Amino acid sequence: MISYIFNDDPTLLNRSIWEQFEYQTEASSLTDRTTGQKIELREIISGSGKVTDECRAVFCYSDSDGEYLLVVTRESRKTSSAAGQWVLDHEASRSKNRQSGRQSIPDVRWHEIANFSRDAFLAWPETEIFGPSPSTLLEIGGCFQGRWEPQLRRRQYAHLRTVQSDPSVGGDRVKASALQPWNSIDPDVDVESTSSRVQAVLRKLSARRAETAKINRTRRAGWLRADGRAIFYLQDWQTLRAPPDGDAYQAPIFEYLDDDITLRLYPNGFDEYEMESLALMEVNPESTFYGEVEPLPAFSPIWHSQPRWRPTREIWRRLVTAMEAQIERTSGQLRIKGLYTAHGYDSAAARTVWLEQS
């Protein structure tokens, strides 16, 4: 394992770098021992396993609910030491499944397949048939904001385990309520159509509307989930300085609130956030989370010695869904560090999300 860690072009492996996954060389398949989910290499469309060749293939995801085809390209490397990127093309995968006579799948099902596939491909070992393992995975297209979005891009980076125990509350399966679209807050929104907790925030934002008018010219004050039961909004600004001794600039501090919790997210940079900069401000006494997670509201990014609070998987998923909705109204990229993956929480794993400009 020591030689594997420091070698960008390791010798062939017959297992994944994550112990939760089992790789079968003969079947060219990778299986999650805990869930039974599996991805299998079905067909090489073009190319070879040579480092300097591009290779395109069809993989098949399967579980107890059925199968789904995935089209993946391993980009060529000019040298054996260059970083390798795999491309999971959800647009091409969607077309491939239609050509094969498979019916369209619901958004919830697509997200479950995409979440597992993302982790599995990043854990895929080097093989003779498909070539070097990936250092990054780029995803093209996918479900976003309640619709299919061809311009959606996600790039996630492979990382050896820095996994902490997973204190998830509730099930790990994607819930339909978590995938509802988010919309920019309309000043004329019907406050009474929202939950009582969201109403309180909307009234507060309305009261300071004149104060934030200047801010709103450059960035929306916040977003409201379609069911009116969650809000993600600009809470304040924080002064940061570009390294090493660059100019000072203002980066937004956001708050997320729903029926159960209030979170405050401090920036690491403009449109760059780490889950280690997340504070749990409050837990609703009527929530199922009450007693399961403890608030840690006194977070300050400069208090490096302070114990870090990290979200449960369910809380993390709610927050990230709200965060990623921002990219529809900004021209830049959003980077999130600290991810839940199939093997648990990884504080060093990072993802960048954006909409490709046509």
Protein backbone atom coordinates (compact mmCIF):
# COMPACT_ATOMS: atom_id res chain seq x y z
CA MET A 1 0.00 0.00 0.00
CA ILE A 2 2.91 2.40 0.67
CA SER A 3 4.12 2.07 -2.93
CA TYR A 4 0.54 2.54 -4.15
CA ILE A 5 0.07 5.80 -2.22
CA PHE A 6 3.17 7.43 -3.67
CA ASN A 7 2.98 5.96 -7.18
CA ASP A 8 0.73 7.70 -9.70
CA ASP A 9 1.04 4.74 -12.06
CA PRO A 10 0.70 1.73 -9.72
CA THR A 11 0.90 -1.92 -10.63
CA LEU A 12 -2.30 -3.75 -11.49
CA LEU A 13 -4.61 -4.31 -8.54
CA ASN A 14 -7.36 -6.89 -8.15
CA ARG A 15 -9.25 -4.94 -5.49
CA SER A 16 -10.48 -1.47 -4.76
CA ILE A 17 -8.64 1.03 -2.57
CA TRP A 18 -11.76 1.14 -0.40
CA GLU A 19 -12.38 -2.00 1.60
CA GLN A 20 -16.13 -1.66 1.37
CA PHE A 21 -15.88 -2.42 -2.35
CA GLU A 22 -14.85 -5.79 -3.75
CA TYR A 23 -13.39 -5.92 -7.25
CA GLN A 24 -13.68 -9.17 -9.22
CA THR A 25 -11.00 -9.36 -11.91
CA GLU A 26 -12.63 -12.16 -13.95
CA ALA A 27 -15.98 -10.36 -14.13
CA SER A 28 -14.55 -6.82 -14.34
CA SER A 29 -17.06 -5.82 -11.68
CA LEU A 30 -17.04 -3.87 -8.45
CA THR A 31 -19.56 -4.64 -5.69
CA ASP A 32 -20.50 -2.87 -2.48
CA ARG A 33 -20.49 -5.64 0.15
CA THR A 34 -22.96 -3.82 2.39
CA THR A 35 -25.67 -2.95 -0.16
CA GLY A 36 -25.17 -5.42 -3.01
CA GLN A 37 -24.95 -2.59 -5.55
CA LYS A 38 -22.66 -3.49 -8.43
CA ILE A 39 -21.03 -1.98 -11.51
CA GLU A 40 -19.75 -4.25 -14.26
CA LEU A 41 -17.77 -3.48 -17.41
CA ARG A 42 -19.95 -4.73 -20.29
CA GLU A 43 -18.36 -3.56 -23.53
CA ILE A 44 -15.36 -1.66 -24.89
CA ILE A 45 -16.68 0.74 -27.55
CA SER A 46 -13.33 2.11 -28.68
CA GLY A 47 -9.69 2.38 -27.63
CA SER A 48 -7.62 0.16 -25.38
CA GLY A 49 -6.18 -0.07 -21.90
CA LYS A 50 -2.91 1.56 -22.95
CA VAL A 51 -2.10 4.68 -20.92
CA THR A 52 -1.68 6.85 -24.01
CA ASP A 53 -4.93 5.64 -25.64
CA GLU A 54 -8.40 7.00 -24.93
CA CYS A 55 -10.80 4.22 -24.01
CA ARG A 56 -14.61 4.38 -24.14
CA ALA A 57 -16.81 1.68 -22.63
CA VAL A 58 -20.31 0.73 -21.47
CA PHE A 59 -20.68 -0.24 -17.83
CA CYS A 60 -23.81 -1.62 -16.18
CA TYR A 61 -25.09 -0.61 -12.76
CA SER A 62 -27.29 -3.19 -11.04
CA ASP A 63 -29.10 -3.68 -7.74
CA SER A 64 -32.27 -5.39 -6.52
CA ASP A 65 -34.38 -2.82 -8.44
CA GLY A 66 -32.85 -3.39 -11.86
CA GLU A 67 -30.07 -2.34 -14.24
CA TYR A 68 -28.91 0.90 -15.84
CA LEU A 69 -26.22 1.38 -18.50
CA LEU A 70 -23.42 3.94 -18.03
CA VAL A 71 -21.15 5.30 -20.76
CA VAL A 72 -17.65 6.15 -19.51
CA THR A 73 -14.56 7.48 -21.27
CA ARG A 74 -11.05 7.23 -19.85
CA GLU A 75 -9.12 10.14 -21.28
CA SER A 76 -5.67 9.46 -22.68
CA ARG A 77 -2.51 10.42 -20.84
CA LYS A 78 0.37 11.97 -22.72
CA THR A 79 2.74 10.37 -20.21
CA SER A 80 2.35 7.56 -17.70
CA SER A 81 2.76 10.05 -14.84
CA ALA A 82 0.08 12.53 -16.01
CA ALA A 83 -3.13 12.83 -14.03
CA GLY A 84 -5.93 10.67 -15.43
CA GLN A 85 -9.56 11.75 -15.83
CA TRP A 86 -12.57 9.54 -16.41
CA VAL A 87 -15.73 11.05 -17.90
CA LEU A 88 -19.12 9.65 -16.88
CA ASP A 89 -21.42 10.89 -19.65
CA HIS A 90 -24.96 10.89 -18.28
CA GLU A 91 -26.27 12.32 -21.56
CA ALA A 92 -24.81 9.42 -23.56
CA SER A 93 -25.90 6.97 -20.85
CA ARG A 94 -29.47 8.19 -21.08
CA SER A 95 -29.46 7.70 -24.86
CA LYS A 96 -27.85 4.25 -24.53
CA ASN A 97 -30.58 3.07 -22.16
CA ARG A 98 -33.29 4.32 -24.52
CA GLN A 99 -31.66 2.53 -27.47
CA SER A 100 -31.60 -0.65 -25.37
CA GLY A 101 -35.36 -0.41 -24.76
CA ARG A 102 -35.12 0.56 -21.11
CA GLN A 103 -37.75 2.91 -19.71
CA SER A 104 -36.90 6.31 -18.25
CA ILE A 105 -36.17 6.30 -14.53
CA PRO A 106 -37.44 8.70 -11.83
CA ASP A 107 -35.15 11.45 -10.51
CA VAL A 108 -34.76 9.71 -7.14
CA ARG A 109 -33.61 6.52 -8.85
CA TRP A 110 -31.18 8.47 -11.05
CA HIS A 111 -29.61 10.17 -8.03
CA GLU A 112 -29.15 6.83 -6.23
CA ILE A 113 -27.41 5.37 -9.29
CA ALA A 114 -25.27 8.48 -9.83
CA ASN A 115 -24.21 8.67 -6.17
CA PHE A 116 -23.05 5.07 -6.10
CA SER A 117 -21.46 5.17 -9.56
CA ARG A 118 -19.46 8.28 -8.66
CA ASP A 119 -17.85 6.52 -5.69
CA ALA A 120 -17.41 3.21 -7.46
CA PHE A 121 -15.62 4.66 -10.49
CA LEU A 122 -13.31 6.71 -8.27
CA ALA A 123 -12.45 3.48 -6.46
CA TRP A 124 -11.98 1.44 -9.64
CA PRO A 125 -8.49 -0.11 -9.82
CA GLU A 126 -6.13 -0.08 -12.77
CA THR A 127 -6.98 -2.90 -15.17
CA GLU A 128 -5.51 -4.27 -18.36
CA ILE A 129 -8.76 -3.91 -20.28
CA PHE A 130 -9.67 -0.30 -19.38
CA GLY A 131 -6.33 1.10 -18.25
CA PRO A 132 -5.26 3.36 -15.35
CA SER A 133 -7.55 4.22 -12.46
CA PRO A 134 -8.91 7.79 -12.32
CA SER A 135 -7.56 10.73 -10.36
CA THR A 136 -10.72 12.72 -11.18
CA LEU A 137 -14.21 11.92 -12.41
CA LEU A 138 -16.04 14.43 -14.61
CA GLU A 139 -19.80 13.97 -14.99
CA ILE A 140 -21.68 15.41 -17.96
CA GLY A 141 -25.41 16.14 -17.64
CA GLY A 142 -27.83 14.89 -15.02
CA CYS A 143 -30.90 15.67 -12.95
CA PHE A 144 -30.79 19.17 -11.49
CA GLN A 145 -33.43 21.41 -9.94
CA GLY A 146 -36.24 19.00 -10.86
CA ARG A 147 -35.28 18.73 -14.53
CA TRP A 148 -32.78 17.05 -16.83
CA GLU A 149 -29.87 19.46 -17.40
CA PRO A 150 -27.42 18.65 -20.25
CA GLN A 151 -25.11 21.52 -19.20
CA LEU A 152 -24.58 20.27 -15.64
CA ARG A 153 -20.97 19.42 -14.78
CA ARG A 154 -19.57 17.79 -11.65
CA ARG A 155 -15.90 17.06 -11.06
CA GLN A 156 -14.88 14.98 -8.07
CA TYR A 157 -11.39 14.01 -7.04
CA ALA A 158 -10.14 10.60 -5.98
CA HIS A 159 -8.88 10.50 -2.42
CA LEU A 160 -7.50 7.77 -0.20
CA ARG A 161 -9.60 7.24 2.89
CA THR A 162 -9.77 9.84 5.62
CA VAL A 163 -13.10 8.39 6.68
CA GLN A 164 -14.72 9.13 10.01
CA SER A 165 -17.56 7.14 11.55
CA ASP A 166 -20.97 7.87 10.07
CA PRO A 167 -23.59 8.91 12.67
CA SER A 168 -26.40 9.12 10.09
CA VAL A 169 -29.88 9.79 11.41
CA GLY A 170 -32.49 7.99 9.34
CA GLY A 171 -31.98 6.09 6.11
CA ASP A 172 -29.30 6.80 3.54
CA ARG A 173 -31.56 6.49 0.50
CA VAL A 174 -32.32 9.67 -1.39
CA LYS A 175 -35.68 11.20 -0.44
CA ALA A 176 -37.86 12.89 -3.05
CA SER A 177 -38.39 15.89 -0.74
CA ALA A 178 -34.64 16.58 -0.79
CA LEU A 179 -34.65 16.91 -4.59
CA GLN A 180 -37.28 19.63 -4.90
CA PRO A 181 -36.13 22.67 -6.89
CA TRP A 182 -34.98 25.88 -5.23
CA ASN A 183 -36.06 29.31 -6.48
CA SER A 184 -34.69 32.77 -5.85
CA ILE A 185 -36.66 34.53 -3.14
CA ASP A 186 -39.33 36.71 -4.69
CA PRO A 187 -39.92 39.95 -2.73
CA ASP A 188 -43.63 39.41 -3.35
CA VAL A 189 -43.66 35.79 -2.16
CA ASP A 190 -46.77 34.72 -0.24
CA VAL A 191 -45.26 34.39 3.22
CA GLU A 192 -48.30 32.53 4.53
CA SER A 193 -47.66 29.69 2.06
CA THR A 194 -44.43 28.77 3.85
CA SER A 195 -43.72 27.02 7.16
CA SER A 196 -43.72 29.08 10.37
CA ARG A 197 -39.93 28.83 10.70
CA VAL A 198 -39.38 30.00 7.13
CA GLN A 199 -41.93 32.77 7.62
CA ALA A 200 -39.84 34.23 10.43
CA VAL A 201 -36.78 34.39 8.17
CA LEU A 202 -38.72 35.91 5.27
CA ARG A 203 -40.07 38.66 7.52
CA LYS A 204 -36.57 39.37 8.78
CA LEU A 205 -35.27 39.59 5.21
CA SER A 206 -38.15 41.83 4.24
CA ALA A 207 -37.40 44.19 7.12
CA ARG A 208 -33.83 44.65 5.98
CA ARG A 209 -34.63 44.79 2.25
CA ALA A 210 -33.62 48.43 1.92
CA GLU A 211 -30.36 47.69 3.72
CA THR A 212 -29.54 44.81 1.38
CA ALA A 213 -30.64 46.48 -1.86
CA LYS A 214 -27.02 47.10 -2.84
CA ILE A 215 -26.10 43.47 -2.18
CA ASN A 216 -29.01 42.19 -4.23
CA ARG A 217 -27.70 43.90 -7.33
CA THR A 218 -24.76 41.51 -7.36
CA ARG A 219 -26.14 38.41 -5.66
CA ARG A 220 -29.59 37.14 -4.76
CA ALA A 221 -30.45 37.33 -1.09
CA GLY A 222 -31.41 33.68 -0.97
CA TRP A 223 -33.36 30.72 -2.25
CA LEU A 224 -36.62 29.10 -1.16
CA ARG A 225 -37.36 25.39 -1.60
CA ALA A 226 -40.43 24.73 -3.73
CA ASP A 227 -42.47 23.33 -0.83
CA GLY A 228 -41.85 26.45 1.27
CA ARG A 229 -40.36 24.46 4.14
CA ALA A 230 -36.67 25.30 3.72
CA ILE A 231 -34.67 28.44 2.96
CA PHE A 232 -31.02 29.12 2.11
CA TYR A 233 -30.11 32.77 2.42
CA LEU A 234 -27.35 35.34 2.72
CA GLN A 235 -26.86 35.92 6.44
CA ASP A 236 -23.83 38.21 6.44
CA TRP A 237 -20.49 38.96 4.80
CA GLN A 238 -17.03 38.00 5.97
CA THR A 239 -13.77 39.73 5.08
CA LEU A 240 -11.18 37.37 3.63
CA ARG A 241 -7.76 38.03 2.15
CA ALA A 242 -6.33 36.38 -0.94
CA PRO A 243 -3.15 34.41 -0.07
CA PRO A 244 -0.44 35.02 0.74
CA ASP A 245 -0.92 38.76 1.41
CA GLY A 246 -3.39 39.79 -1.26
CA ASP A 247 -6.24 42.25 -1.27
CA ALA A 248 -9.14 41.87 1.13
CA TYR A 249 -12.52 40.89 -0.31
CA GLN A 250 -16.01 40.10 0.95
CA ALA A 251 -17.31 36.53 0.87
CA PRO A 252 -20.88 35.55 1.78
CA ILE A 253 -21.91 33.72 4.95
CA PHE A 254 -25.03 31.64 4.32
CA GLU A 255 -27.65 30.12 6.59
CA TYR A 256 -29.80 27.09 5.87
CA LEU A 257 -33.06 26.59 7.79
CA ASP A 258 -35.82 24.00 7.54
CA ASP A 259 -38.34 22.35 9.86
CA ASP A 260 -35.57 20.63 11.82
CA ILE A 261 -32.35 22.64 11.90
CA THR A 262 -30.51 25.90 11.32
CA LEU A 263 -27.01 25.74 9.81
CA ARG A 264 -24.48 28.51 9.23
CA LEU A 265 -21.89 28.06 6.49
CA TYR A 266 -18.71 30.15 6.59
CA PRO A 267 -16.75 30.65 3.35
CA ASN A 268 -13.25 29.37 2.65
CA GLY A 269 -13.18 31.63 -0.42
CA PHE A 270 -15.73 33.15 -2.76
CA ASP A 271 -18.01 30.25 -3.84
CA GLU A 272 -15.72 27.82 -1.99
CA TYR A 273 -16.86 26.07 1.17
CA GLU A 274 -15.55 23.41 3.55
CA MET A 275 -17.83 21.38 5.78
CA GLU A 276 -15.34 22.04 8.58
CA SER A 277 -16.58 25.65 8.39
CA LEU A 278 -20.15 24.56 9.11
CA ALA A 279 -21.89 25.39 12.39
CA LEU A 280 -25.11 23.81 13.67
CA MET A 281 -26.85 26.82 15.15
CA GLU A 282 -30.05 25.25 16.41
CA VAL A 283 -32.11 22.05 16.48
CA ASN A 284 -35.90 22.33 16.59
CA PRO A 285 -37.13 20.62 19.80
CA GLU A 286 -39.97 19.10 17.75
CA SER A 287 -37.55 17.59 15.22
CA THR A 288 -36.51 13.94 14.99
CA PHE A 289 -32.93 15.26 15.11
CA TYR A 290 -33.48 16.64 18.61
CA GLY A 291 -31.31 14.69 21.02
CA GLU A 292 -29.51 12.97 18.14
CA VAL A 293 -27.27 15.89 17.19
CA GLU A 294 -25.99 18.67 19.43
CA PRO A 295 -25.73 22.33 18.33
CA LEU A 296 -22.27 23.85 18.01
CA PRO A 297 -23.09 27.48 17.24
CA ALA A 298 -19.96 29.25 18.48
CA PHE A 299 -17.81 28.42 15.47
CA SER A 300 -15.22 30.90 14.28
CA PRO A 301 -12.89 30.06 11.38
CA ILE A 302 -9.94 31.50 13.29
CA TRP A 303 -10.37 29.19 16.28
CA HIS A 304 -8.36 26.32 14.86
CA SER A 305 -8.22 24.46 18.16
CA GLN A 306 -12.00 24.24 18.44
CA PRO A 307 -13.51 20.76 17.92
CA ARG A 308 -15.17 20.46 14.53
CA TRP A 309 -18.82 19.58 14.11
CA ARG A 310 -19.75 17.70 10.99
CA PRO A 311 -23.20 16.99 9.61
CA THR A 312 -24.94 13.64 9.49
CA ARG A 313 -25.47 12.25 6.02
CA GLU A 314 -29.09 13.46 5.88
CA ILE A 315 -28.24 17.00 7.05
CA TRP A 316 -25.30 17.12 4.62
CA ARG A 317 -27.52 16.09 1.71
CA ARG A 318 -30.10 18.78 2.47
CA LEU A 319 -27.46 21.49 2.66
CA VAL A 320 -25.53 20.46 -0.46
CA THR A 321 -28.73 20.33 -2.53
CA ALA A 322 -29.47 23.92 -1.50
CA MET A 323 -25.89 25.04 -2.14
CA GLU A 324 -25.71 23.55 -5.62
CA ALA A 325 -28.92 25.35 -6.63
CA GLN A 326 -26.86 28.58 -6.63
CA ILE A 327 -24.99 27.66 -9.81
CA GLU A 328 -28.09 28.28 -11.91
CA ARG A 329 -27.80 32.01 -11.20
CA THR A 330 -24.04 32.48 -11.09
CA SER A 331 -21.52 32.18 -13.89
CA GLY A 332 -18.79 30.60 -11.80
CA GLN A 333 -18.07 27.25 -10.19
CA LEU A 334 -19.00 26.09 -6.70
CA ARG A 335 -16.46 24.03 -4.77
CA ILE A 336 -17.45 21.94 -1.75
CA LYS A 337 -14.92 20.15 0.43
CA GLY A 338 -16.07 17.48 2.86
CA LEU A 339 -18.26 14.83 1.21
CA TYR A 340 -20.31 11.81 2.11
CA THR A 341 -19.47 8.90 -0.16
CA ALA A 342 -20.38 5.22 -0.24
CA HIS A 343 -17.65 4.49 2.30
CA GLY A 344 -18.55 7.21 4.80
CA TYR A 345 -17.64 10.82 5.45
CA ASP A 346 -14.39 12.07 3.91
CA SER A 347 -13.31 15.48 5.18
CA ALA A 348 -10.68 15.84 2.42
CA ALA A 349 -12.82 14.79 -0.56
CA ALA A 350 -13.86 17.69 -2.81
CA ARG A 351 -16.35 18.33 -5.59
CA THR A 352 -16.74 21.20 -8.05
CA VAL A 353 -20.14 21.86 -9.65
CA TRP A 354 -21.05 24.24 -12.48
CA LEU A 355 -23.25 24.78 -15.52
CA GLU A 356 -21.33 24.78 -18.79
CA GLN A 357 -21.93 28.01 -20.70
CA SER A 358 -23.19 27.39 -24.22
